[in-house]
Amino acid sequence: MKRYLSLSMVMIAIIGVQAQTIFTENFDVFPTTWTKTNQSEPVGISNWAQGGNTLFNGGFNGGSTSFTSVNFNSVAMGMSGTISNWLITPMVSLKNGDVIKFYSRVGANFSTIPDRLEVRISTQGNSSITPSTGSADLGSFTNLVLSINPNLQPSVYPTTWTEFTYTVAGLPSETDCKLAFRYYVTNGGSGGTNGNAVGIDALTINRTLSTDDFFQENFVAYPNPTSDILEIANNNNVIVNSIEVTDMNGRVVKQTSEMLDRMNISDLNNGVYFLKIVSIEGTGTTKIIKK
């Protein structure tokens, strides 16, 4: 029993996880590949735009304009109505476990005025339907995955840049999607009691990779099985810090602090080993067989 437990702990350590960024937008300039549409009723003049409003004190991780924002003028001036103002990403391929992360806040003045932001996903990729027929229209973005201040309570939406995350779930497999930010406020506008201004910055979508996935994306070890020489190809020329070969008990049997194109393992006993490559971009591990 003790031996089995030790082997289990070794296997857990070997598997590990990495994070790969598959999408990012820091709004240093307004992204021309995104779609914006104001479906508020009665419709006003405001739409999502490059930051610059001093109410936000600059972006989260950039200069004074490095964010995007929208405000209560989404509804016609002097009127009250429903704000439904959309900002939609280009197509991005998502799968369960991907982590969507962004920062948001409201403007510094009138922070007690209720504001709300929804995050919605369409699973129709480039065939996604953009809302076009008014404030109730969701197009194909029927999947609500996150709502900041869903009940439109005063003094709930943060007044400093705050991180929000959603972990993708419910997809049958990797799926082409689009992500939408919807500024959605009822009884909004300059004639209403709700809605001031919201901003978004530093959007990233990260994918968790096992060390085996990371290895396969960056390296190839062949022939496998081998009796003597193991060739190692660095497909993406990542900077390698070390290479280790460990046995099934986790003991290091070979080690080097540089990238090698080949490794001689003829002195090892026949059996199963793990080749571990540590790089500045992550760690990859794969199983090798000495015969």
C-alpha atoms as a PDB file:
ATOM      1  CA  MET A   1       0.000   0.000   0.000  1.00  0.00           C
ATOM      2  CA  LYS A   2       2.803   2.413   0.851  1.00  0.00           C
ATOM      3  CA  ARG A   3       4.540   1.731  -2.465  1.00  0.00           C
ATOM      4  CA  TYR A   4       1.307   2.329  -4.417  1.00  0.00           C
ATOM      5  CA  LEU A   5       0.730   5.657  -2.650  1.00  0.00           C
ATOM      6  CA  SER A   6       4.256   6.853  -3.471  1.00  0.00           C
ATOM      7  CA  LEU A   7       3.806   5.974  -7.154  1.00  0.00           C
ATOM      8  CA  SER A   8       0.468   7.822  -7.225  1.00  0.00           C
ATOM      9  CA  MET A   9       2.080  10.951  -5.806  1.00  0.00           C
ATOM     10  CA  VAL A  10       4.835  10.762  -8.428  1.00  0.00           C
ATOM     11  CA  MET A  11       2.305  10.472 -11.243  1.00  0.00           C
ATOM     12  CA  ILE A  12       0.357  13.505  -9.965  1.00  0.00           C
ATOM     13  CA  ALA A  13       3.569  15.556  -9.891  1.00  0.00           C
ATOM     14  CA  ILE A  14       4.479  14.452 -13.404  1.00  0.00           C
ATOM     15  CA  ILE A  15       1.120  15.346 -14.950  1.00  0.00           C
ATOM     16  CA  GLY A  16       0.959  19.004 -13.833  1.00  0.00           C
ATOM     17  CA  VAL A  17      -0.790  21.816 -15.736  1.00  0.00           C
ATOM     18  CA  GLN A  18       0.188  24.854 -17.837  1.00  0.00           C
ATOM     19  CA  ALA A  19      -1.819  27.862 -18.996  1.00  0.00           C
ATOM     20  CA  GLN A  20      -1.853  28.937 -22.634  1.00  0.00           C
ATOM     21  CA  THR A  21      -3.315  32.305 -23.644  1.00  0.00           C
ATOM     22  CA  ILE A  22      -5.527  31.778 -26.698  1.00  0.00           C
ATOM     23  CA  PHE A  23      -7.039  35.273 -26.907  1.00  0.00           C
ATOM     24  CA  THR A  24      -6.134  38.677 -25.517  1.00  0.00           C
ATOM     25  CA  GLU A  25      -7.244  42.299 -25.899  1.00  0.00           C
ATOM     26  CA  ASN A  26      -5.826  45.204 -23.885  1.00  0.00           C
ATOM     27  CA  PHE A  27      -7.675  47.995 -25.729  1.00  0.00           C
ATOM     28  CA  ASP A  28      -4.531  50.048 -26.349  1.00  0.00           C
ATOM     29  CA  VAL A  29      -6.455  51.022 -29.473  1.00  0.00           C
ATOM     30  CA  PHE A  30     -10.082  50.183 -30.159  1.00  0.00           C
ATOM     31  CA  PRO A  31     -10.186  46.765 -31.912  1.00  0.00           C
ATOM     32  CA  THR A  32     -11.541  47.135 -35.443  1.00  0.00           C
ATOM     33  CA  THR A  33     -12.270  43.397 -35.689  1.00  0.00           C
ATOM     34  CA  TRP A  34     -14.890  43.608 -32.937  1.00  0.00           C
ATOM     35  CA  THR A  35     -18.584  44.335 -33.530  1.00  0.00           C
ATOM     36  CA  LYS A  36     -20.512  47.002 -31.623  1.00  0.00           C
ATOM     37  CA  THR A  37     -24.223  47.689 -31.831  1.00  0.00           C
ATOM     38  CA  ASN A  38     -26.486  49.895 -29.725  1.00  0.00           C
ATOM     39  CA  GLN A  39     -29.924  48.290 -29.438  1.00  0.00           C
ATOM     40  CA  SER A  40     -31.140  50.577 -26.643  1.00  0.00           C
ATOM     41  CA  GLU A  41     -34.676  51.960 -26.746  1.00  0.00           C
ATOM     42  CA  PRO A  42     -35.079  54.829 -27.429  1.00  0.00           C
ATOM     43  CA  VAL A  43     -31.643  54.683 -29.015  1.00  0.00           C
ATOM     44  CA  GLY A  44     -29.090  57.360 -28.124  1.00  0.00           C
ATOM     45  CA  ILE A  45     -25.671  58.473 -29.334  1.00  0.00           C
ATOM     46  CA  SER A  46     -23.335  56.519 -27.058  1.00  0.00           C
ATOM     47  CA  ASN A  47     -21.557  53.355 -28.119  1.00  0.00           C
ATOM     48  CA  TRP A  48     -18.543  51.354 -26.992  1.00  0.00           C
ATOM     49  CA  ALA A  49     -15.413  53.372 -27.732  1.00  0.00           C
ATOM     50  CA  GLN A  50     -11.769  53.871 -26.878  1.00  0.00           C
ATOM     51  CA  GLY A  51     -11.263  54.992 -23.288  1.00  0.00           C
ATOM     52  CA  GLY A  52     -10.488  58.585 -22.432  1.00  0.00           C
ATOM     53  CA  ASN A  53     -13.126  59.466 -19.879  1.00  0.00           C
ATOM     54  CA  THR A  54     -11.309  60.833 -16.805  1.00  0.00           C
ATOM     55  CA  LEU A  55     -13.919  59.145 -14.599  1.00  0.00           C
ATOM     56  CA  PHE A  56     -11.972  55.880 -15.016  1.00  0.00           C
ATOM     57  CA  ASN A  57      -8.503  57.218 -14.123  1.00  0.00           C
ATOM     58  CA  GLY A  58      -6.941  55.346 -17.036  1.00  0.00           C
ATOM     59  CA  GLY A  59      -6.971  51.666 -17.891  1.00  0.00           C
ATOM     60  CA  PHE A  60      -6.123  48.688 -15.717  1.00  0.00           C
ATOM     61  CA  ASN A  61      -2.788  47.852 -17.329  1.00  0.00           C
ATOM     62  CA  GLY A  62      -2.105  50.687 -19.744  1.00  0.00           C
ATOM     63  CA  GLY A  63      -2.256  54.409 -20.309  1.00  0.00           C
ATOM     64  CA  SER A  64      -5.022  56.925 -19.807  1.00  0.00           C
ATOM     65  CA  THR A  65      -7.011  55.635 -22.818  1.00  0.00           C
ATOM     66  CA  SER A  66      -6.126  51.926 -22.669  1.00  0.00           C
ATOM     67  CA  PHE A  67      -9.624  50.569 -22.032  1.00  0.00           C
ATOM     68  CA  THR A  68     -13.085  50.669 -23.592  1.00  0.00           C
ATOM     69  CA  SER A  69     -16.225  52.190 -22.088  1.00  0.00           C
ATOM     70  CA  VAL A  70     -19.857  53.106 -22.746  1.00  0.00           C
ATOM     71  CA  ASN A  71     -22.365  55.259 -20.844  1.00  0.00           C
ATOM     72  CA  PHE A  72     -25.973  56.213 -20.126  1.00  0.00           C
ATOM     73  CA  ASN A  73     -26.279  58.208 -23.373  1.00  0.00           C
ATOM     74  CA  SER A  74     -26.927  54.826 -25.007  1.00  0.00           C
ATOM     75  CA  VAL A  75     -30.540  55.984 -24.510  1.00  0.00           C
ATOM     76  CA  ALA A  76     -31.737  59.165 -26.233  1.00  0.00           C
ATOM     77  CA  MET A  77     -30.855  62.385 -24.441  1.00  0.00           C
ATOM     78  CA  GLY A  78     -33.376  63.423 -21.792  1.00  0.00           C
ATOM     79  CA  MET A  79     -35.257  60.120 -22.085  1.00  0.00           C
ATOM     80  CA  SER A  80     -35.530  57.000 -19.940  1.00  0.00           C
ATOM     81  CA  GLY A  81     -35.530  53.533 -21.415  1.00  0.00           C
ATOM     82  CA  THR A  82     -33.693  50.217 -21.656  1.00  0.00           C
ATOM     83  CA  ILE A  83     -29.965  50.312 -22.360  1.00  0.00           C
ATOM     84  CA  SER A  84     -28.831  47.329 -24.425  1.00  0.00           C
ATOM     85  CA  ASN A  85     -25.425  48.172 -25.901  1.00  0.00           C
ATOM     86  CA  TRP A  86     -23.296  45.325 -27.272  1.00  0.00           C
ATOM     87  CA  LEU A  87     -19.568  44.759 -27.821  1.00  0.00           C
ATOM     88  CA  ILE A  88     -18.786  41.445 -29.554  1.00  0.00           C
ATOM     89  CA  THR A  89     -15.442  39.714 -30.078  1.00  0.00           C
ATOM     90  CA  PRO A  90     -14.258  38.019 -33.266  1.00  0.00           C
ATOM     91  CA  MET A  91     -14.628  34.252 -33.446  1.00  0.00           C
ATOM     92  CA  VAL A  92     -12.639  32.334 -30.847  1.00  0.00           C
ATOM     93  CA  SER A  93     -12.509  28.557 -30.422  1.00  0.00           C
ATOM     94  CA  LEU A  94     -13.483  27.570 -26.874  1.00  0.00           C
ATOM     95  CA  LYS A  95     -13.609  24.327 -24.952  1.00  0.00           C
ATOM     96  CA  ASN A  96     -14.626  23.379 -21.438  1.00  0.00           C
ATOM     97  CA  GLY A  97     -12.137  24.560 -18.859  1.00  0.00           C
ATOM     98  CA  ASP A  98     -11.018  27.678 -20.740  1.00  0.00           C
ATOM     99  CA  VAL A  99     -10.894  30.655 -18.373  1.00  0.00           C
ATOM    100  CA  ILE A 100     -12.254  34.017 -19.551  1.00  0.00           C
ATOM    101  CA  LYS A 101     -10.812  36.875 -17.496  1.00  0.00           C
ATOM    102  CA  PHE A 102     -11.290  40.640 -17.738  1.00  0.00           C
ATOM    103  CA  TYR A 103     -11.340  43.751 -15.578  1.00  0.00           C
ATOM    104  CA  SER A 104     -14.274  46.120 -15.209  1.00  0.00           C
ATOM    105  CA  ARG A 105     -15.375  49.132 -13.168  1.00  0.00           C
ATOM    106  CA  VAL A 106     -17.867  52.014 -13.217  1.00  0.00           C
ATOM    107  CA  GLY A 107     -17.047  55.696 -13.506  1.00  0.00           C
ATOM    108  CA  ALA A 108     -15.873  57.492 -10.381  1.00  0.00           C
ATOM    109  CA  ASN A 109     -18.762  59.981 -10.199  1.00  0.00           C
ATOM    110  CA  PHE A 110     -22.294  58.972  -9.171  1.00  0.00           C
ATOM    111  CA  SER A 111     -21.012  55.512  -8.235  1.00  0.00           C
ATOM    112  CA  THR A 112     -24.214  54.835  -6.293  1.00  0.00           C
ATOM    113  CA  ILE A 113     -26.187  54.768  -9.556  1.00  0.00           C
ATOM    114  CA  PRO A 114     -26.898  51.092 -10.415  1.00  0.00           C
ATOM    115  CA  ASP A 115     -25.096  49.670 -13.449  1.00  0.00           C
ATOM    116  CA  ARG A 116     -25.010  46.198 -14.987  1.00  0.00           C
ATOM    117  CA  LEU A 117     -22.847  44.289 -17.456  1.00  0.00           C
ATOM    118  CA  GLU A 118     -23.625  40.895 -18.946  1.00  0.00           C
ATOM    119  CA  VAL A 119     -21.239  38.443 -20.599  1.00  0.00           C
ATOM    120  CA  ARG A 120     -22.903  36.216 -23.190  1.00  0.00           C
ATOM    121  CA  ILE A 121     -21.649  33.520 -25.560  1.00  0.00           C
ATOM    122  CA  SER A 122     -22.851  32.465 -28.998  1.00  0.00           C
ATOM    123  CA  THR A 123     -21.797  28.973 -30.082  1.00  0.00           C
ATOM    124  CA  GLN A 124     -22.351  29.717 -33.780  1.00  0.00           C
ATOM    125  CA  GLY A 125     -18.887  31.128 -34.501  1.00  0.00           C
ATOM    126  CA  ASN A 126     -18.755  33.344 -37.565  1.00  0.00           C
ATOM    127  CA  SER A 127     -22.422  32.513 -38.222  1.00  0.00           C
ATOM    128  CA  SER A 128     -23.431  34.195 -34.952  1.00  0.00           C
ATOM    129  CA  ILE A 129     -26.447  36.492 -35.204  1.00  0.00           C
ATOM    130  CA  THR A 130     -25.831  40.033 -33.982  1.00  0.00           C
ATOM    131  CA  PRO A 131     -28.786  41.604 -32.085  1.00  0.00           C
ATOM    132  CA  SER A 132     -30.530  44.050 -34.402  1.00  0.00           C
ATOM    133  CA  THR A 133     -34.204  44.524 -33.483  1.00  0.00           C
ATOM    134  CA  GLY A 134     -34.141  46.413 -30.191  1.00  0.00           C
ATOM    135  CA  SER A 135     -33.359  46.053 -26.518  1.00  0.00           C
ATOM    136  CA  ALA A 136     -34.960  42.613 -26.079  1.00  0.00           C
ATOM    137  CA  ASP A 137     -33.121  41.020 -29.010  1.00  0.00           C
ATOM    138  CA  LEU A 138     -30.296  38.647 -27.992  1.00  0.00           C
ATOM    139  CA  GLY A 139     -29.470  37.372 -31.471  1.00  0.00           C
ATOM    140  CA  SER A 140     -27.670  34.051 -31.022  1.00  0.00           C
ATOM    141  CA  PHE A 141     -26.101  35.220 -27.731  1.00  0.00           C
ATOM    142  CA  THR A 142     -28.648  33.397 -25.596  1.00  0.00           C
ATOM    143  CA  ASN A 143     -26.103  31.863 -23.228  1.00  0.00           C
ATOM    144  CA  LEU A 144     -25.681  34.238 -20.263  1.00  0.00           C
ATOM    145  CA  VAL A 145     -22.504  33.194 -18.429  1.00  0.00           C
ATOM    146  CA  LEU A 146     -21.811  36.170 -16.153  1.00  0.00           C
ATOM    147  CA  SER A 147     -23.736  39.191 -14.881  1.00  0.00           C
ATOM    148  CA  ILE A 148     -22.143  41.957 -12.836  1.00  0.00           C
ATOM    149  CA  ASN A 149     -24.759  43.426 -10.473  1.00  0.00           C
ATOM    150  CA  PRO A 150     -27.641  41.406 -11.963  1.00  0.00           C
ATOM    151  CA  ASN A 151     -30.259  42.989  -9.672  1.00  0.00           C
ATOM    152  CA  LEU A 152     -29.186  46.570 -10.414  1.00  0.00           C
ATOM    153  CA  GLN A 153     -28.391  47.427  -6.821  1.00  0.00           C
ATOM    154  CA  PRO A 154     -26.740  50.764  -5.945  1.00  0.00           C
ATOM    155  CA  SER A 155     -23.070  50.804  -4.876  1.00  0.00           C
ATOM    156  CA  VAL A 156     -22.478  47.167  -5.947  1.00  0.00           C
ATOM    157  CA  TYR A 157     -20.564  47.527  -9.220  1.00  0.00           C
ATOM    158  CA  PRO A 158     -16.907  48.164  -8.219  1.00  0.00           C
ATOM    159  CA  THR A 159     -15.460  51.664  -8.601  1.00  0.00           C
ATOM    160  CA  THR A 160     -11.894  50.355  -9.119  1.00  0.00           C
ATOM    161  CA  TRP A 161     -10.646  47.957 -11.788  1.00  0.00           C
ATOM    162  CA  THR A 162     -11.743  44.525 -10.570  1.00  0.00           C
ATOM    163  CA  GLU A 163     -11.080  41.083 -12.033  1.00  0.00           C
ATOM    164  CA  PHE A 164     -14.008  38.933 -13.193  1.00  0.00           C
ATOM    165  CA  THR A 165     -13.676  35.373 -14.479  1.00  0.00           C
ATOM    166  CA  TYR A 166     -15.798  32.670 -16.067  1.00  0.00           C
ATOM    167  CA  THR A 167     -14.686  29.073 -16.662  1.00  0.00           C
ATOM    168  CA  VAL A 168     -16.222  27.692 -19.842  1.00  0.00           C
ATOM    169  CA  ALA A 169     -18.538  24.725 -19.306  1.00  0.00           C
ATOM    170  CA  GLY A 170     -21.333  22.900 -21.094  1.00  0.00           C
ATOM    171  CA  LEU A 171     -19.770  22.635 -24.557  1.00  0.00           C
ATOM    172  CA  PRO A 172     -19.902  19.189 -26.205  1.00  0.00           C
ATOM    173  CA  SER A 173     -16.397  19.667 -27.667  1.00  0.00           C
ATOM    174  CA  GLU A 174     -14.116  22.476 -28.811  1.00  0.00           C
ATOM    175  CA  THR A 175     -16.493  24.969 -30.434  1.00  0.00           C
ATOM    176  CA  ASP A 176     -16.178  28.131 -32.516  1.00  0.00           C
ATOM    177  CA  CYS A 177     -17.821  30.879 -30.461  1.00  0.00           C
ATOM    178  CA  LYS A 178     -18.151  34.625 -30.091  1.00  0.00           C
ATOM    179  CA  LEU A 179     -18.150  36.449 -26.763  1.00  0.00           C
ATOM    180  CA  ALA A 180     -20.371  39.480 -26.120  1.00  0.00           C
ATOM    181  CA  PHE A 181     -20.315  42.182 -23.461  1.00  0.00           C
ATOM    182  CA  ARG A 182     -23.779  43.689 -23.069  1.00  0.00           C
ATOM    183  CA  TYR A 183     -24.298  46.917 -21.153  1.00  0.00           C
ATOM    184  CA  TYR A 184     -27.843  46.173 -19.998  1.00  0.00           C
ATOM    185  CA  VAL A 185     -29.731  48.615 -17.761  1.00  0.00           C
ATOM    186  CA  THR A 186     -33.477  49.068 -17.392  1.00  0.00           C
ATOM    187  CA  ASN A 187     -34.872  52.522 -16.540  1.00  0.00           C
ATOM    188  CA  GLY A 188     -31.603  53.890 -17.863  1.00  0.00           C
ATOM    189  CA  GLY A 189     -30.592  57.065 -19.633  1.00  0.00           C
ATOM    190  CA  SER A 190     -30.387  60.684 -18.505  1.00  0.00           C
ATOM    191  CA  GLY A 191     -34.128  60.648 -17.811  1.00  0.00           C
ATOM    192  CA  GLY A 192     -33.997  57.402 -15.794  1.00  0.00           C
ATOM    193  CA  THR A 193     -32.696  56.463 -12.377  1.00  0.00           C
ATOM    194  CA  ASN A 194     -30.211  53.764 -13.462  1.00  0.00           C
ATOM    195  CA  GLY A 195     -27.068  53.684 -15.552  1.00  0.00           C
ATOM    196  CA  ASN A 196     -23.915  55.792 -15.473  1.00  0.00           C
ATOM    197  CA  ALA A 197     -20.833  54.368 -17.296  1.00  0.00           C
ATOM    198  CA  VAL A 198     -18.930  51.062 -17.353  1.00  0.00           C
ATOM    199  CA  GLY A 199     -15.466  50.168 -18.618  1.00  0.00           C
ATOM    200  CA  ILE A 200     -13.690  46.960 -19.666  1.00  0.00           C
ATOM    201  CA  ASP A 201      -9.962  46.226 -19.891  1.00  0.00           C
ATOM    202  CA  ALA A 202      -7.397  43.412 -20.093  1.00  0.00           C
ATOM    203  CA  LEU A 203      -9.478  40.591 -21.582  1.00  0.00           C
ATOM    204  CA  THR A 204      -7.703  37.236 -21.768  1.00  0.00           C
ATOM    205  CA  ILE A 205      -8.856  33.696 -22.463  1.00  0.00           C
ATOM    206  CA  ASN A 206      -6.523  31.056 -21.041  1.00  0.00           C
ATOM    207  CA  ARG A 207      -6.508  27.320 -21.683  1.00  0.00           C
ATOM    208  CA  THR A 208      -5.180  24.843 -19.166  1.00  0.00           C
ATOM    209  CA  LEU A 209      -2.791  22.339 -20.688  1.00  0.00           C
ATOM    210  CA  SER A 210      -1.385  19.203 -19.125  1.00  0.00           C
ATOM    211  CA  THR A 211       2.384  18.903 -19.298  1.00  0.00           C
ATOM    212  CA  ASP A 212       1.827  16.203 -21.936  1.00  0.00           C
ATOM    213  CA  ASP A 213      -0.179  18.673 -24.063  1.00  0.00           C
ATOM    214  CA  PHE A 214       2.549  21.299 -23.648  1.00  0.00           C
ATOM    215  CA  PHE A 215       5.206  18.798 -24.726  1.00  0.00           C
ATOM    216  CA  GLN A 216       3.250  17.790 -27.832  1.00  0.00           C
ATOM    217  CA  GLU A 217       2.782  21.426 -28.848  1.00  0.00           C
ATOM    218  CA  ASN A 218       6.486  22.243 -28.618  1.00  0.00           C
ATOM    219  CA  PHE A 219       8.664  19.103 -28.776  1.00  0.00           C
ATOM    220  CA  VAL A 220       9.039  15.692 -30.386  1.00  0.00           C
ATOM    221  CA  ALA A 221      11.066  12.810 -28.916  1.00  0.00           C
ATOM    222  CA  TYR A 222      11.866   9.939 -31.318  1.00  0.00           C
ATOM    223  CA  PRO A 223      12.298   7.098 -31.989  1.00  0.00           C
ATOM    224  CA  ASN A 224      10.086   5.914 -29.182  1.00  0.00           C
ATOM    225  CA  PRO A 225      10.693   3.125 -28.133  1.00  0.00           C
ATOM    226  CA  THR A 226      14.465   3.355 -28.556  1.00  0.00           C
ATOM    227  CA  SER A 227      17.420   1.238 -27.445  1.00  0.00           C
ATOM    228  CA  ASP A 228      20.077   3.950 -27.415  1.00  0.00           C
ATOM    229  CA  ILE A 229      19.713   7.447 -28.964  1.00  0.00           C
ATOM    230  CA  LEU A 230      16.658   9.619 -28.296  1.00  0.00           C
ATOM    231  CA  GLU A 231      16.329  12.504 -30.758  1.00  0.00           C
ATOM    232  CA  ILE A 232      14.682  15.661 -29.354  1.00  0.00           C
ATOM    233  CA  ALA A 233      13.176  18.279 -31.692  1.00  0.00           C
ATOM    234  CA  ASN A 234      12.386  21.770 -30.399  1.00  0.00           C
ATOM    235  CA  ASN A 235       9.648  22.657 -32.907  1.00  0.00           C
ATOM    236  CA  ASN A 236       9.024  26.245 -31.742  1.00  0.00           C
ATOM    237  CA  ASN A 237      12.556  27.117 -30.638  1.00  0.00           C
ATOM    238  CA  VAL A 238      11.507  27.804 -27.061  1.00  0.00           C
ATOM    239  CA  ILE A 239      14.286  28.586 -24.611  1.00  0.00           C
ATOM    240  CA  VAL A 240      14.999  25.425 -22.606  1.00  0.00           C
ATOM    241  CA  ASN A 241      16.248  25.604 -19.022  1.00  0.00           C
ATOM    242  CA  SER A 242      16.716  21.900 -18.317  1.00  0.00           C
ATOM    243  CA  ILE A 243      15.999  18.360 -19.488  1.00  0.00           C
ATOM    244  CA  GLU A 244      15.450  15.438 -17.118  1.00  0.00           C
ATOM    245  CA  VAL A 245      14.759  11.745 -17.483  1.00  0.00           C
ATOM    246  CA  THR A 246      13.054  10.138 -14.478  1.00  0.00           C
ATOM    247  CA  ASP A 247      12.129   6.550 -13.776  1.00  0.00           C
ATOM    248  CA  MET A 248       8.726   5.308 -12.610  1.00  0.00           C
ATOM    249  CA  ASN A 249       9.665   6.025  -8.995  1.00  0.00           C
ATOM    250  CA  GLY A 250      10.398   9.687  -9.759  1.00  0.00           C
ATOM    251  CA  ARG A 251      14.174   9.337  -9.488  1.00  0.00           C
ATOM    252  CA  VAL A 252      16.216  11.510 -11.874  1.00  0.00           C
ATOM    253  CA  VAL A 253      18.418   9.208 -13.944  1.00  0.00           C
ATOM    254  CA  LYS A 254      19.663  11.757 -16.490  1.00  0.00           C
ATOM    255  CA  GLN A 255      19.811  15.538 -16.367  1.00  0.00           C
ATOM    256  CA  THR A 256      21.175  18.485 -18.362  1.00  0.00           C
ATOM    257  CA  SER A 257      20.830  22.271 -18.060  1.00  0.00           C
ATOM    258  CA  GLU A 258      20.723  22.932 -21.795  1.00  0.00           C
ATOM    259  CA  MET A 259      18.774  21.995 -24.881  1.00  0.00           C
ATOM    260  CA  LEU A 260      20.069  18.801 -26.500  1.00  0.00           C
ATOM    261  CA  ASP A 261      19.183  17.549 -29.964  1.00  0.00           C
ATOM    262  CA  ARG A 262      19.842  13.988 -28.855  1.00  0.00           C
ATOM    263  CA  MET A 263      20.316  12.055 -25.646  1.00  0.00           C
ATOM    264  CA  ASN A 264      22.044   8.711 -25.204  1.00  0.00           C
ATOM    265  CA  ILE A 265      19.977   6.437 -22.947  1.00  0.00           C
ATOM    266  CA  SER A 266      21.719   3.154 -23.831  1.00  0.00           C
ATOM    267  CA  ASP A 267      22.989   2.850 -20.246  1.00  0.00           C
ATOM    268  CA  LEU A 268      19.476   2.766 -18.787  1.00  0.00           C
ATOM    269  CA  ASN A 269      17.667  -0.439 -17.920  1.00  0.00           C
ATOM    270  CA  ASN A 270      14.811  -1.432 -20.196  1.00  0.00           C
ATOM    271  CA  GLY A 271      11.491   0.043 -19.088  1.00  0.00           C
ATOM    272  CA  VAL A 272       9.288   3.145 -18.982  1.00  0.00           C
ATOM    273  CA  TYR A 273      10.713   6.599 -18.235  1.00  0.00           C
ATOM    274  CA  PHE A 274       9.515  10.203 -18.364  1.00  0.00           C
ATOM    275  CA  LEU A 275      11.271  12.911 -20.349  1.00  0.00           C
ATOM    276  CA  LYS A 276      10.728  16.335 -18.753  1.00  0.00           C
ATOM    277  CA  ILE A 277      11.699  19.583 -20.502  1.00  0.00           C
ATOM    278  CA  VAL A 278      11.528  22.835 -18.525  1.00  0.00           C
ATOM    279  CA  SER A 279      11.338  25.996 -20.664  1.00  0.00           C
ATOM    280  CA  ILE A 280      10.639  29.672 -20.035  1.00  0.00           C
ATOM    281  CA  GLU A 281       7.157  29.127 -21.503  1.00  0.00           C
ATOM    282  CA  GLY A 282       6.230  26.074 -19.436  1.00  0.00           C
ATOM    283  CA  THR A 283       7.079  22.481 -18.649  1.00  0.00           C
ATOM    284  CA  GLY A 284       6.434  19.517 -20.912  1.00  0.00           C
ATOM    285  CA  THR A 285       6.538  15.840 -20.021  1.00  0.00           C
ATOM    286  CA  THR A 286       6.185  12.744 -22.180  1.00  0.00           C
ATOM    287  CA  LYS A 287       6.574   9.004 -21.670  1.00  0.00           C
ATOM    288  CA  ILE A 288       9.513   7.228 -23.327  1.00  0.00           C
ATOM    289  CA  ILE A 289      10.288   3.523 -23.534  1.00  0.00           C
ATOM    290  CA  LYS A 290      13.816   2.090 -23.381  1.00  0.00           C
ATOM    291  CA  LYS A 291      13.994  -1.321 -25.021  1.00  0.00           C
END
